[in-house]
Amino acid sequence: MLSKRTIIGLVVGSIIIGIGGYSLITHIGTITINEDYIVGTGDSTVYTIPAPDGTPQYMKIVGDSFDLEMSSPGTGLQIDRTSYKEELALDWIHLEDGATVIQIQNTGNTELEITGTLIRSSDPIWFTFDLMVIISGMVIIGFSMGFTLRKPKGF
C-alpha cells in the first residue's frame, strides 16, 4: 500500500515530467517569433536571428528616419549602413544555416516601431534545461518512493 506522501510525490513528479516533456517537444525545430518592438529616439537595437537555410523572414520598420545595417549568412541579403525615412519592409530567405545580424539606429525625432515575423532555430540550452526538468521529476518520484519502504524492526 502506498502512503499519502508517496502518492503526492508520484503525482507531482509525473506533472513535472509531463511539463518537461511538452517543453522538450516544443523546443525541437524552429520557433516563430512575432516581433513588436519600439525603439526610442536616439536609441539603437541589434537583432541576431539564427535560422536554418530556406527560412523566410519578414520585418517592417516605421519611423521618422533611421540607419540600418544587415548581414545574412553566405550570399544572402547584405545591406551596408544606409539611412531610411518613413518606412522599410524587409522580406528575405536564409540561403544558408547561420545568423542574420541587423543593427538599427533611430536617427529621427519619433520612436521607431519594429514589427515582423521572425523564424529562428531553437537555442540548444533549452534542450538541456528541459532534460533537467525531466530529471527533477524523476528525482521527486524516487524520493517519494522511499516513503513506502518499511524499516526493519530495531531501527
C-alpha atoms as a PDB file:
ATOM      1  CA  MET A   1       0.000   0.000   0.000  1.00  0.00           C
ATOM      2  CA  LEU A   2       1.275   3.453  -0.906  1.00  0.00           C
ATOM      3  CA  SER A   3       1.414   6.202   1.682  1.00  0.00           C
ATOM      4  CA  LYS A   4      -0.061   9.660   1.141  1.00  0.00           C
ATOM      5  CA  ARG A   5       3.403  11.168   0.716  1.00  0.00           C
ATOM      6  CA  THR A   6       4.254   8.620  -1.955  1.00  0.00           C
ATOM      7  CA  ILE A   7       1.076   9.304  -3.909  1.00  0.00           C
ATOM      8  CA  ILE A   8       1.631  13.073  -3.688  1.00  0.00           C
ATOM      9  CA  GLY A   9       5.247  12.618  -4.858  1.00  0.00           C
ATOM     10  CA  LEU A  10       4.156  10.414  -7.764  1.00  0.00           C
ATOM     11  CA  VAL A  11       1.563  12.955  -8.902  1.00  0.00           C
ATOM     12  CA  VAL A  12       3.875  15.963  -8.559  1.00  0.00           C
ATOM     13  CA  GLY A  13       6.801  14.144 -10.206  1.00  0.00           C
ATOM     14  CA  SER A  14       4.592  12.980 -13.089  1.00  0.00           C
ATOM     15  CA  ILE A  15       3.302  16.516 -13.658  1.00  0.00           C
ATOM     16  CA  ILE A  16       6.851  17.891 -13.701  1.00  0.00           C
ATOM     17  CA  ILE A  17       7.975  15.180 -16.143  1.00  0.00           C
ATOM     18  CA  GLY A  18       4.951  15.972 -18.334  1.00  0.00           C
ATOM     19  CA  ILE A  19       5.770  19.700 -18.372  1.00  0.00           C
ATOM     20  CA  GLY A  20       9.413  18.981 -19.224  1.00  0.00           C
ATOM     21  CA  GLY A  21       8.412  16.567 -21.996  1.00  0.00           C
ATOM     22  CA  TYR A  22       5.967  19.034 -23.519  1.00  0.00           C
ATOM     23  CA  SER A  23       8.573  21.796 -23.382  1.00  0.00           C
ATOM     24  CA  LEU A  24      11.167  19.495 -24.971  1.00  0.00           C
ATOM     25  CA  ILE A  25       8.827  18.764 -27.878  1.00  0.00           C
ATOM     26  CA  THR A  26       8.016  22.454 -28.437  1.00  0.00           C
ATOM     27  CA  HIS A  27      11.710  23.402 -28.482  1.00  0.00           C
ATOM     28  CA  ILE A  28      12.526  20.972 -31.313  1.00  0.00           C
ATOM     29  CA  GLY A  29      12.853  22.630 -34.718  1.00  0.00           C
ATOM     30  CA  THR A  30      12.211  26.291 -35.439  1.00  0.00           C
ATOM     31  CA  ILE A  31      10.451  28.891 -33.330  1.00  0.00           C
ATOM     32  CA  THR A  32       8.249  31.635 -34.819  1.00  0.00           C
ATOM     33  CA  ILE A  33       8.553  34.996 -33.101  1.00  0.00           C
ATOM     34  CA  ASN A  34       6.034  37.760 -33.762  1.00  0.00           C
ATOM     35  CA  GLU A  35       8.055  40.876 -33.085  1.00  0.00           C
ATOM     36  CA  ASP A  36       6.510  44.155 -31.905  1.00  0.00           C
ATOM     37  CA  TYR A  37       9.181  46.463 -30.529  1.00  0.00           C
ATOM     38  CA  ILE A  38       9.598  50.207 -30.018  1.00  0.00           C
ATOM     39  CA  VAL A  39      12.996  51.941 -30.276  1.00  0.00           C
ATOM     40  CA  GLY A  40      13.183  55.333 -28.561  1.00  0.00           C
ATOM     41  CA  THR A  41      14.605  58.480 -30.088  1.00  0.00           C
ATOM     42  CA  GLY A  42      18.383  58.202 -30.408  1.00  0.00           C
ATOM     43  CA  ASP A  43      18.449  54.572 -29.250  1.00  0.00           C
ATOM     44  CA  SER A  44      19.642  51.555 -31.194  1.00  0.00           C
ATOM     45  CA  THR A  45      18.926  47.845 -31.217  1.00  0.00           C
ATOM     46  CA  VAL A  46      20.570  44.737 -32.622  1.00  0.00           C
ATOM     47  CA  TYR A  47      18.773  41.603 -33.804  1.00  0.00           C
ATOM     48  CA  THR A  48      20.624  38.313 -34.153  1.00  0.00           C
ATOM     49  CA  ILE A  49      18.447  35.728 -35.883  1.00  0.00           C
ATOM     50  CA  PRO A  50      19.981  32.232 -36.082  1.00  0.00           C
ATOM     51  CA  ALA A  51      17.995  30.181 -38.585  1.00  0.00           C
ATOM     52  CA  PRO A  52      18.355  27.164 -40.886  1.00  0.00           C
ATOM     53  CA  ASP A  53      18.534  27.535 -44.661  1.00  0.00           C
ATOM     54  CA  GLY A  54      15.283  28.152 -46.518  1.00  0.00           C
ATOM     55  CA  THR A  55      13.689  30.000 -43.599  1.00  0.00           C
ATOM     56  CA  PRO A  56      11.592  33.047 -44.627  1.00  0.00           C
ATOM     57  CA  GLN A  57      11.893  36.221 -42.541  1.00  0.00           C
ATOM     58  CA  TYR A  58       9.883  39.456 -42.535  1.00  0.00           C
ATOM     59  CA  MET A  59      10.482  42.748 -40.736  1.00  0.00           C
ATOM     60  CA  LYS A  60       8.833  46.156 -41.115  1.00  0.00           C
ATOM     61  CA  ILE A  61      10.324  49.310 -39.609  1.00  0.00           C
ATOM     62  CA  VAL A  62       8.271  52.517 -39.391  1.00  0.00           C
ATOM     63  CA  GLY A  63       9.583  55.833 -38.122  1.00  0.00           C
ATOM     64  CA  ASP A  64      10.836  59.311 -38.964  1.00  0.00           C
ATOM     65  CA  SER A  65      14.363  58.284 -40.003  1.00  0.00           C
ATOM     66  CA  PHE A  66      16.779  55.506 -39.096  1.00  0.00           C
ATOM     67  CA  ASP A  67      20.010  53.803 -40.105  1.00  0.00           C
ATOM     68  CA  LEU A  68      20.088  50.084 -40.831  1.00  0.00           C
ATOM     69  CA  GLU A  69      22.892  47.613 -41.408  1.00  0.00           C
ATOM     70  CA  MET A  70      22.195  43.958 -42.165  1.00  0.00           C
ATOM     71  CA  SER A  71      24.290  40.900 -42.920  1.00  0.00           C
ATOM     72  CA  SER A  72      22.906  37.458 -43.713  1.00  0.00           C
ATOM     73  CA  PRO A  73      24.964  34.262 -43.807  1.00  0.00           C
ATOM     74  CA  GLY A  74      26.686  33.333 -47.040  1.00  0.00           C
ATOM     75  CA  THR A  75      25.433  35.105 -50.131  1.00  0.00           C
ATOM     76  CA  GLY A  76      22.156  36.171 -48.508  1.00  0.00           C
ATOM     77  CA  LEU A  77      20.786  39.687 -48.191  1.00  0.00           C
ATOM     78  CA  GLN A  78      23.539  42.196 -47.343  1.00  0.00           C
ATOM     79  CA  ILE A  79      22.786  45.860 -46.610  1.00  0.00           C
ATOM     80  CA  ASP A  80      25.590  48.269 -45.750  1.00  0.00           C
ATOM     81  CA  ARG A  81      24.841  51.057 -43.270  1.00  0.00           C
ATOM     82  CA  THR A  82      22.094  53.003 -45.043  1.00  0.00           C
ATOM     83  CA  SER A  83      19.712  55.766 -43.934  1.00  0.00           C
ATOM     84  CA  TYR A  84      15.972  55.335 -44.457  1.00  0.00           C
ATOM     85  CA  LYS A  85      12.972  57.605 -43.955  1.00  0.00           C
ATOM     86  CA  GLU A  86       9.368  56.773 -43.032  1.00  0.00           C
ATOM     87  CA  GLU A  87       9.138  53.004 -43.686  1.00  0.00           C
ATOM     88  CA  LEU A  88      11.162  49.966 -44.701  1.00  0.00           C
ATOM     89  CA  ALA A  89       9.894  46.432 -45.281  1.00  0.00           C
ATOM     90  CA  LEU A  90      12.476  43.644 -45.331  1.00  0.00           C
ATOM     91  CA  ASP A  91      11.457  40.258 -46.713  1.00  0.00           C
ATOM     92  CA  TRP A  92      14.227  37.686 -47.166  1.00  0.00           C
ATOM     93  CA  ILE A  93      15.044  33.987 -47.022  1.00  0.00           C
ATOM     94  CA  HIS A  94      18.065  32.458 -45.321  1.00  0.00           C
ATOM     95  CA  LEU A  95      20.166  30.860 -48.053  1.00  0.00           C
ATOM     96  CA  GLU A  96      22.498  29.102 -45.606  1.00  0.00           C
ATOM     97  CA  ASP A  97      22.446  27.995 -41.982  1.00  0.00           C
ATOM     98  CA  GLY A  98      23.655  30.810 -39.786  1.00  0.00           C
ATOM     99  CA  ALA A  99      22.707  34.047 -38.116  1.00  0.00           C
ATOM    100  CA  THR A 100      21.464  37.256 -39.668  1.00  0.00           C
ATOM    101  CA  VAL A 101      22.583  40.349 -37.784  1.00  0.00           C
ATOM    102  CA  ILE A 102      20.507  43.542 -38.077  1.00  0.00           C
ATOM    103  CA  GLN A 103      21.620  46.809 -36.463  1.00  0.00           C
ATOM    104  CA  ILE A 104      19.036  49.609 -36.301  1.00  0.00           C
ATOM    105  CA  GLN A 105      19.792  53.145 -35.065  1.00  0.00           C
ATOM    106  CA  ASN A 106      16.926  55.612 -34.592  1.00  0.00           C
ATOM    107  CA  THR A 107      18.105  58.955 -36.002  1.00  0.00           C
ATOM    108  CA  GLY A 108      14.705  60.652 -36.186  1.00  0.00           C
ATOM    109  CA  ASN A 109      12.570  62.716 -33.848  1.00  0.00           C
ATOM    110  CA  THR A 110       9.966  59.994 -33.237  1.00  0.00           C
ATOM    111  CA  GLU A 111      10.018  56.438 -31.961  1.00  0.00           C
ATOM    112  CA  LEU A 112      10.630  53.548 -34.346  1.00  0.00           C
ATOM    113  CA  GLU A 113       8.104  50.749 -34.480  1.00  0.00           C
ATOM    114  CA  ILE A 114       9.565  47.391 -35.490  1.00  0.00           C
ATOM    115  CA  THR A 115       7.138  44.608 -36.375  1.00  0.00           C
ATOM    116  CA  GLY A 116       7.647  41.334 -38.134  1.00  0.00           C
ATOM    117  CA  THR A 117       7.597  37.584 -38.188  1.00  0.00           C
ATOM    118  CA  LEU A 118      10.976  36.040 -37.496  1.00  0.00           C
ATOM    119  CA  ILE A 119      11.601  32.300 -37.652  1.00  0.00           C
ATOM    120  CA  ARG A 120      14.650  31.151 -35.753  1.00  0.00           C
ATOM    121  CA  SER A 121      16.237  27.886 -34.748  1.00  0.00           C
ATOM    122  CA  SER A 122      15.892  26.788 -31.154  1.00  0.00           C
ATOM    123  CA  ASP A 123      18.699  27.507 -28.722  1.00  0.00           C
ATOM    124  CA  PRO A 124      20.460  24.277 -27.616  1.00  0.00           C
ATOM    125  CA  ILE A 125      20.473  25.409 -23.979  1.00  0.00           C
ATOM    126  CA  TRP A 126      16.694  24.820 -23.875  1.00  0.00           C
ATOM    127  CA  PHE A 127      17.262  21.119 -24.627  1.00  0.00           C
ATOM    128  CA  THR A 128      19.497  20.877 -21.553  1.00  0.00           C
ATOM    129  CA  PHE A 129      17.047  22.875 -19.446  1.00  0.00           C
ATOM    130  CA  ASP A 130      14.149  20.592 -20.463  1.00  0.00           C
ATOM    131  CA  LEU A 131      16.189  17.488 -19.606  1.00  0.00           C
ATOM    132  CA  MET A 132      16.968  18.962 -16.175  1.00  0.00           C
ATOM    133  CA  VAL A 133      13.230  19.478 -15.540  1.00  0.00           C
ATOM    134  CA  ILE A 134      12.504  15.862 -16.524  1.00  0.00           C
ATOM    135  CA  ILE A 135      15.318  14.592 -14.284  1.00  0.00           C
ATOM    136  CA  SER A 136      13.945  16.687 -11.391  1.00  0.00           C
ATOM    137  CA  GLY A 137      10.589  14.957 -11.777  1.00  0.00           C
ATOM    138  CA  MET A 138      12.314  11.570 -11.697  1.00  0.00           C
ATOM    139  CA  VAL A 139      14.211  12.516  -8.533  1.00  0.00           C
ATOM    140  CA  ILE A 140      10.978  13.611  -6.839  1.00  0.00           C
ATOM    141  CA  ILE A 141       9.357  10.289  -7.738  1.00  0.00           C
ATOM    142  CA  GLY A 142      12.427   8.420  -6.464  1.00  0.00           C
ATOM    143  CA  PHE A 143      12.424  10.191  -3.123  1.00  0.00           C
ATOM    144  CA  SER A 144       8.691   9.744  -2.707  1.00  0.00           C
ATOM    145  CA  MET A 145       9.009   6.004  -3.347  1.00  0.00           C
ATOM    146  CA  GLY A 146      11.314   5.865  -0.331  1.00  0.00           C
ATOM    147  CA  PHE A 147       8.341   6.651   1.899  1.00  0.00           C
ATOM    148  CA  THR A 148       6.725   3.285   1.071  1.00  0.00           C
ATOM    149  CA  LEU A 149       9.658   1.275   2.343  1.00  0.00           C
ATOM    150  CA  ARG A 150       9.176  -0.183   5.797  1.00  0.00           C
ATOM    151  CA  LYS A 151      12.059  -0.030   8.152  1.00  0.00           C
ATOM    152  CA  PRO A 152      13.117  -3.346   9.656  1.00  0.00           C
ATOM    153  CA  LYS A 153      12.499  -3.897  13.381  1.00  0.00           C
ATOM    154  CA  GLY A 154      15.127  -2.385  15.557  1.00  0.00           C
ATOM    155  CA  PHE A 155      15.529   0.828  13.525  1.00  0.00           C
END
